[in-house]
Amino acid sequence: MKFDIGVWWHWLFIAFATLGSAYNACRVFVDEFATSHNPLFTPMFQFFYELAGSFAGWMSLWYVLPLVFDCKGGNCTFSFSWFGALLLAVAVVGIFGHIPGAINKLVDGIGRLVSGSL
């Protein structure tokens, strides 16, 4: 079943799943809020950052499942593609709340490469 933009319960499922994943991922950072000196590292900013990553993960999963499992006519066949594998990786990383951390590490690594302080 592909994600259909016109079906209301698809949006409802993704909204609740995204909120739950973002809240759960934000709980990890509660101790870091008190010790951080970064002005952007606030609970509200972190929640919306996690929310965007979780939304990307759930949307990727919702899109990739019909690509991987084709269950037309009652017989389910498995099909592999590199695009599906990439989307599945984005889905898993996004759902478990690691997209923001991965983006932060990527930007930090690029900044270190540019500055030459590796």
N, C-alpha and C. Protein backbone atom coordinates (compact mmCIF):
# COMPACT_ATOMS: atom_id res chain seq x y z
N MET A 1 0.85 -1.17 0.00
CA MET A 1 0.00 0.00 0.00
C MET A 1 0.89 1.23 0.00
N LYS A 2 0.81 2.00 -1.04
CA LYS A 2 1.61 3.22 -1.13
C LYS A 2 0.96 4.34 -0.32
N PHE A 3 1.78 5.28 0.07
CA PHE A 3 1.26 6.45 0.78
C PHE A 3 0.39 7.25 -0.18
N ASP A 4 -0.83 7.46 0.21
CA ASP A 4 -1.78 8.21 -0.60
C ASP A 4 -2.07 9.52 0.11
N ILE A 5 -1.74 10.62 -0.54
CA ILE A 5 -1.88 11.94 0.08
C ILE A 5 -3.34 12.29 0.38
N GLY A 6 -4.28 11.62 -0.29
CA GLY A 6 -5.69 11.91 -0.09
C GLY A 6 -6.35 11.11 1.02
N VAL A 7 -5.66 10.14 1.57
CA VAL A 7 -6.24 9.30 2.63
C VAL A 7 -5.86 9.89 3.99
N TRP A 8 -6.86 10.26 4.77
CA TRP A 8 -6.62 10.98 6.01
C TRP A 8 -5.91 10.14 7.05
N TRP A 9 -6.19 8.84 7.10
CA TRP A 9 -5.58 8.04 8.17
C TRP A 9 -4.11 7.77 7.90
N HIS A 10 -3.65 7.90 6.65
CA HIS A 10 -2.22 7.79 6.39
C HIS A 10 -1.50 8.96 7.07
N TRP A 11 -2.06 10.16 6.93
CA TRP A 11 -1.47 11.33 7.58
C TRP A 11 -1.56 11.22 9.09
N LEU A 12 -2.67 10.70 9.60
CA LEU A 12 -2.84 10.56 11.04
C LEU A 12 -1.82 9.59 11.61
N PHE A 13 -1.63 8.47 10.94
CA PHE A 13 -0.64 7.49 11.40
C PHE A 13 0.76 8.10 11.43
N ILE A 14 1.13 8.76 10.34
CA ILE A 14 2.48 9.34 10.25
C ILE A 14 2.64 10.47 11.27
N ALA A 15 1.60 11.25 11.51
CA ALA A 15 1.68 12.33 12.50
C ALA A 15 1.91 11.78 13.90
N PHE A 16 1.14 10.78 14.31
CA PHE A 16 1.31 10.21 15.65
C PHE A 16 2.64 9.48 15.78
N ALA A 17 3.05 8.76 14.75
CA ALA A 17 4.32 8.06 14.79
C ALA A 17 5.48 9.05 14.86
N THR A 18 5.38 10.14 14.13
CA THR A 18 6.43 11.16 14.13
C THR A 18 6.51 11.84 15.49
N LEU A 19 5.39 12.22 16.06
CA LEU A 19 5.40 12.87 17.37
C LEU A 19 5.97 11.95 18.44
N GLY A 20 5.58 10.69 18.40
CA GLY A 20 6.09 9.74 19.38
C GLY A 20 7.59 9.52 19.24
N SER A 21 8.05 9.38 18.02
CA SER A 21 9.49 9.19 17.80
C SER A 21 10.28 10.42 18.20
N ALA A 22 9.78 11.60 17.88
CA ALA A 22 10.49 12.84 18.22
C ALA A 22 10.55 13.03 19.73
N TYR A 23 9.46 12.76 20.42
CA TYR A 23 9.45 12.90 21.87
C TYR A 23 10.44 11.92 22.51
N ASN A 24 10.42 10.70 22.03
CA ASN A 24 11.32 9.68 22.58
C ASN A 24 12.78 10.03 22.32
N ALA A 25 13.08 10.54 21.13
CA ALA A 25 14.46 10.92 20.82
C ALA A 25 14.89 12.14 21.63
N CYS A 26 13.98 13.04 21.93
CA CYS A 26 14.31 14.24 22.71
C CYS A 26 14.61 13.91 24.17
N ARG A 27 14.03 12.85 24.69
CA ARG A 27 14.28 12.49 26.08
C ARG A 27 15.75 12.17 26.32
N VAL A 28 16.45 11.75 25.28
CA VAL A 28 17.86 11.42 25.40
C VAL A 28 18.69 12.66 25.73
N PHE A 29 18.26 13.81 25.25
CA PHE A 29 19.06 15.02 25.36
C PHE A 29 18.72 15.88 26.58
N VAL A 30 17.88 15.39 27.48
CA VAL A 30 17.45 16.19 28.63
C VAL A 30 18.65 16.61 29.49
N ASP A 31 19.59 15.71 29.76
CA ASP A 31 20.75 16.05 30.58
C ASP A 31 21.69 17.02 29.89
N GLU A 32 21.75 16.95 28.56
CA GLU A 32 22.65 17.83 27.83
C GLU A 32 22.15 19.26 27.76
N PHE A 33 20.86 19.49 27.94
CA PHE A 33 20.32 20.85 27.88
C PHE A 33 20.93 21.74 28.96
N ALA A 34 21.15 21.20 30.14
CA ALA A 34 21.66 22.00 31.25
C ALA A 34 23.14 22.34 31.07
N THR A 35 23.91 21.49 30.41
CA THR A 35 25.35 21.71 30.30
C THR A 35 25.76 22.33 28.97
N SER A 36 24.86 22.48 28.03
CA SER A 36 25.22 23.00 26.71
C SER A 36 25.34 24.51 26.74
N HIS A 37 26.33 25.02 26.01
CA HIS A 37 26.51 26.47 25.89
C HIS A 37 26.08 26.96 24.52
N ASN A 38 25.54 26.08 23.71
CA ASN A 38 25.10 26.43 22.37
C ASN A 38 23.71 27.07 22.47
N PRO A 39 23.51 28.28 21.95
CA PRO A 39 22.20 28.93 22.07
C PRO A 39 21.11 28.23 21.26
N LEU A 40 21.50 27.45 20.23
CA LEU A 40 20.49 26.73 19.44
C LEU A 40 20.10 25.41 20.07
N PHE A 41 20.83 25.00 21.09
CA PHE A 41 20.57 23.71 21.72
C PHE A 41 19.54 23.88 22.84
N THR A 42 18.33 24.14 22.45
CA THR A 42 17.24 24.30 23.40
C THR A 42 16.26 23.15 23.21
N PRO A 43 15.46 22.86 24.22
CA PRO A 43 14.52 21.75 24.07
C PRO A 43 13.56 21.92 22.89
N MET A 44 13.08 23.12 22.65
CA MET A 44 12.12 23.32 21.56
C MET A 44 12.78 23.12 20.20
N PHE A 45 13.98 23.69 20.04
CA PHE A 45 14.70 23.51 18.79
C PHE A 45 15.01 22.04 18.55
N GLN A 46 15.47 21.36 19.61
CA GLN A 46 15.82 19.94 19.48
C GLN A 46 14.58 19.11 19.14
N PHE A 47 13.43 19.44 19.72
CA PHE A 47 12.20 18.70 19.43
C PHE A 47 11.83 18.83 17.95
N PHE A 48 11.88 20.04 17.42
CA PHE A 48 11.51 20.21 16.02
C PHE A 48 12.56 19.63 15.08
N TYR A 49 13.80 19.64 15.49
CA TYR A 49 14.87 19.00 14.73
C TYR A 49 14.63 17.49 14.67
N GLU A 50 14.31 16.90 15.80
CA GLU A 50 13.99 15.47 15.86
C GLU A 50 12.69 15.17 15.11
N LEU A 51 11.73 16.09 15.19
CA LEU A 51 10.46 15.91 14.50
C LEU A 51 10.67 15.83 12.99
N ALA A 52 11.51 16.70 12.45
CA ALA A 52 11.78 16.68 11.01
C ALA A 52 12.49 15.40 10.61
N GLY A 53 13.45 14.96 11.40
CA GLY A 53 14.15 13.70 11.11
C GLY A 53 13.24 12.50 11.19
N SER A 54 12.38 12.47 12.19
CA SER A 54 11.44 11.37 12.34
C SER A 54 10.42 11.35 11.21
N PHE A 55 9.95 12.53 10.81
CA PHE A 55 9.00 12.61 9.70
C PHE A 55 9.64 12.06 8.42
N ALA A 56 10.89 12.42 8.18
CA ALA A 56 11.59 11.90 7.00
C ALA A 56 11.72 10.39 7.07
N GLY A 57 11.99 9.87 8.26
CA GLY A 57 12.10 8.42 8.42
C GLY A 57 10.80 7.69 8.18
N TRP A 58 9.71 8.18 8.78
CA TRP A 58 8.42 7.51 8.60
C TRP A 58 7.92 7.61 7.17
N MET A 59 8.13 8.77 6.52
CA MET A 59 7.72 8.91 5.13
C MET A 59 8.54 7.99 4.23
N SER A 60 9.81 7.84 4.51
CA SER A 60 10.65 6.93 3.73
C SER A 60 10.18 5.49 3.89
N LEU A 61 9.88 5.10 5.12
CA LEU A 61 9.40 3.73 5.36
C LEU A 61 8.08 3.50 4.67
N TRP A 62 7.18 4.46 4.75
CA TRP A 62 5.86 4.32 4.14
C TRP A 62 5.97 4.21 2.63
N TYR A 63 6.98 4.86 2.05
CA TYR A 63 7.19 4.81 0.61
C TYR A 63 7.92 3.54 0.17
N VAL A 64 8.89 3.08 0.99
CA VAL A 64 9.74 1.97 0.57
C VAL A 64 9.08 0.60 0.76
N LEU A 65 8.19 0.44 1.70
CA LEU A 65 7.59 -0.87 1.92
C LEU A 65 6.89 -1.43 0.68
N PRO A 66 6.08 -0.66 -0.04
CA PRO A 66 5.49 -1.21 -1.27
C PRO A 66 6.52 -1.47 -2.37
N LEU A 67 7.65 -0.78 -2.34
CA LEU A 67 8.69 -1.05 -3.33
C LEU A 67 9.37 -2.39 -3.07
N VAL A 68 9.54 -2.72 -1.80
CA VAL A 68 10.24 -3.94 -1.43
C VAL A 68 9.32 -5.15 -1.47
N PHE A 69 8.13 -5.02 -0.94
CA PHE A 69 7.19 -6.13 -0.90
C PHE A 69 6.02 -5.83 -1.83
N ASP A 70 5.94 -6.57 -2.92
CA ASP A 70 4.86 -6.40 -3.88
C ASP A 70 3.85 -7.51 -3.63
N CYS A 71 2.74 -7.17 -3.00
CA CYS A 71 1.76 -8.18 -2.59
C CYS A 71 0.47 -8.07 -3.39
N LYS A 72 0.57 -7.97 -4.69
CA LYS A 72 -0.63 -7.93 -5.52
C LYS A 72 -1.11 -9.34 -5.78
N GLY A 73 -2.37 -9.55 -5.65
CA GLY A 73 -2.95 -10.86 -5.93
C GLY A 73 -2.67 -11.91 -4.88
N GLY A 74 -2.23 -11.52 -3.69
CA GLY A 74 -2.05 -12.47 -2.61
C GLY A 74 -0.67 -13.09 -2.52
N ASN A 75 0.14 -13.04 -3.58
CA ASN A 75 1.49 -13.60 -3.47
C ASN A 75 2.49 -12.47 -3.31
N CYS A 76 3.23 -12.51 -2.22
CA CYS A 76 4.19 -11.47 -1.92
C CYS A 76 5.55 -11.86 -2.47
N THR A 77 6.10 -11.00 -3.29
CA THR A 77 7.43 -11.22 -3.83
C THR A 77 8.34 -10.10 -3.33
N PHE A 78 9.57 -10.47 -3.08
CA PHE A 78 10.57 -9.52 -2.58
C PHE A 78 11.38 -9.01 -3.76
N SER A 79 11.52 -7.69 -3.85
CA SER A 79 12.36 -7.12 -4.91
C SER A 79 13.35 -6.16 -4.28
N PHE A 80 14.60 -6.25 -4.68
CA PHE A 80 15.67 -5.43 -4.12
C PHE A 80 16.09 -4.38 -5.14
N SER A 81 16.27 -3.16 -4.64
CA SER A 81 16.87 -2.10 -5.46
C SER A 81 17.75 -1.26 -4.54
N TRP A 82 18.75 -0.62 -5.11
CA TRP A 82 19.63 0.22 -4.30
C TRP A 82 18.90 1.44 -3.77
N PHE A 83 17.95 1.96 -4.54
CA PHE A 83 17.14 3.08 -4.07
C PHE A 83 16.32 2.67 -2.85
N GLY A 84 15.73 1.47 -2.91
CA GLY A 84 14.97 0.95 -1.78
C GLY A 84 15.84 0.74 -0.55
N ALA A 85 17.07 0.26 -0.76
CA ALA A 85 17.99 0.06 0.36
C ALA A 85 18.39 1.40 0.99
N LEU A 86 18.61 2.41 0.15
CA LEU A 86 18.94 3.74 0.66
C LEU A 86 17.77 4.33 1.46
N LEU A 87 16.56 4.20 0.92
CA LEU A 87 15.39 4.72 1.63
C LEU A 87 15.14 3.95 2.93
N LEU A 88 15.40 2.65 2.93
CA LEU A 88 15.24 1.88 4.15
C LEU A 88 16.25 2.34 5.21
N ALA A 89 17.47 2.64 4.80
CA ALA A 89 18.46 3.16 5.75
C ALA A 89 18.02 4.51 6.30
N VAL A 90 17.51 5.40 5.45
CA VAL A 90 17.00 6.70 5.91
C VAL A 90 15.83 6.49 6.87
N ALA A 91 14.97 5.53 6.56
CA ALA A 91 13.81 5.26 7.42
C ALA A 91 14.25 4.80 8.80
N VAL A 92 15.16 3.84 8.85
CA VAL A 92 15.60 3.32 10.15
C VAL A 92 16.31 4.40 10.96
N VAL A 93 17.20 5.13 10.32
CA VAL A 93 17.94 6.18 11.02
C VAL A 93 16.99 7.29 11.48
N GLY A 94 16.01 7.64 10.64
CA GLY A 94 15.07 8.69 11.00
C GLY A 94 14.11 8.30 12.11
N ILE A 95 13.60 7.09 12.04
CA ILE A 95 12.63 6.64 13.04
C ILE A 95 13.26 6.56 14.42
N PHE A 96 14.52 6.12 14.48
CA PHE A 96 15.18 5.99 15.77
C PHE A 96 15.86 7.27 16.24
N GLY A 97 15.69 8.37 15.50
CA GLY A 97 16.14 9.68 15.97
C GLY A 97 17.60 9.99 15.75
N HIS A 98 18.23 9.38 14.76
CA HIS A 98 19.65 9.63 14.54
C HIS A 98 19.95 10.55 13.35
N ILE A 99 18.94 10.99 12.61
CA ILE A 99 19.19 11.89 11.49
C ILE A 99 19.78 13.22 11.97
N PRO A 100 19.25 13.86 13.00
CA PRO A 100 19.86 15.12 13.45
C PRO A 100 21.32 14.96 13.87
N GLY A 101 21.62 13.90 14.61
CA GLY A 101 23.00 13.66 15.02
C GLY A 101 23.91 13.40 13.84
N ALA A 102 23.41 12.65 12.86
CA ALA A 102 24.20 12.36 11.66
C ALA A 102 24.47 13.65 10.87
N ILE A 103 23.46 14.50 10.76
CA ILE A 103 23.66 15.77 10.05
C ILE A 103 24.66 16.66 10.80
N ASN A 104 24.55 16.69 12.13
CA ASN A 104 25.50 17.49 12.92
C ASN A 104 26.93 17.00 12.73
N LYS A 105 27.13 15.69 12.77
CA LYS A 105 28.47 15.11 12.59
C LYS A 105 28.99 15.37 11.18
N LEU A 106 28.12 15.28 10.18
CA LEU A 106 28.53 15.54 8.81
C LEU A 106 28.97 16.99 8.63
N VAL A 107 28.19 17.92 9.15
CA VAL A 107 28.55 19.34 9.05
C VAL A 107 29.83 19.62 9.83
N ASP A 108 29.98 19.02 11.00
CA ASP A 108 31.19 19.20 11.79
C ASP A 108 32.41 18.64 11.06
N GLY A 109 32.26 17.48 10.43
CA GLY A 109 33.35 16.88 9.68
C GLY A 109 33.75 17.72 8.47
N ILE A 110 32.78 18.26 7.76
CA ILE A 110 33.07 19.13 6.62
C ILE A 110 33.76 20.40 7.09
N GLY A 111 33.30 20.95 8.20
CA GLY A 111 33.94 22.14 8.77
C GLY A 111 35.39 21.88 9.15
N ARG A 112 35.67 20.71 9.71
CA ARG A 112 37.05 20.37 10.07
C ARG A 112 37.92 20.15 8.83
N LEU A 113 37.34 19.56 7.80
CA LEU A 113 38.09 19.39 6.56
C LEU A 113 38.45 20.73 5.94
N VAL A 114 37.51 21.64 5.95
CA VAL A 114 37.74 22.96 5.35
C VAL A 114 38.76 23.74 6.17
N SER A 115 38.67 23.65 7.48
CA SER A 115 39.61 24.41 8.32
C SER A 115 40.97 23.74 8.44
N GLY A 116 41.06 22.47 8.06
CA GLY A 116 42.35 21.78 8.10
C GLY A 116 42.77 21.33 9.49
N SER A 117 41.82 21.20 10.41
CA SER A 117 42.17 20.81 11.78
C SER A 117 41.83 19.35 12.06
N LEU A 118 42.01 18.49 11.08
CA LEU A 118 41.74 17.07 11.30
C LEU A 118 42.78 16.41 12.12
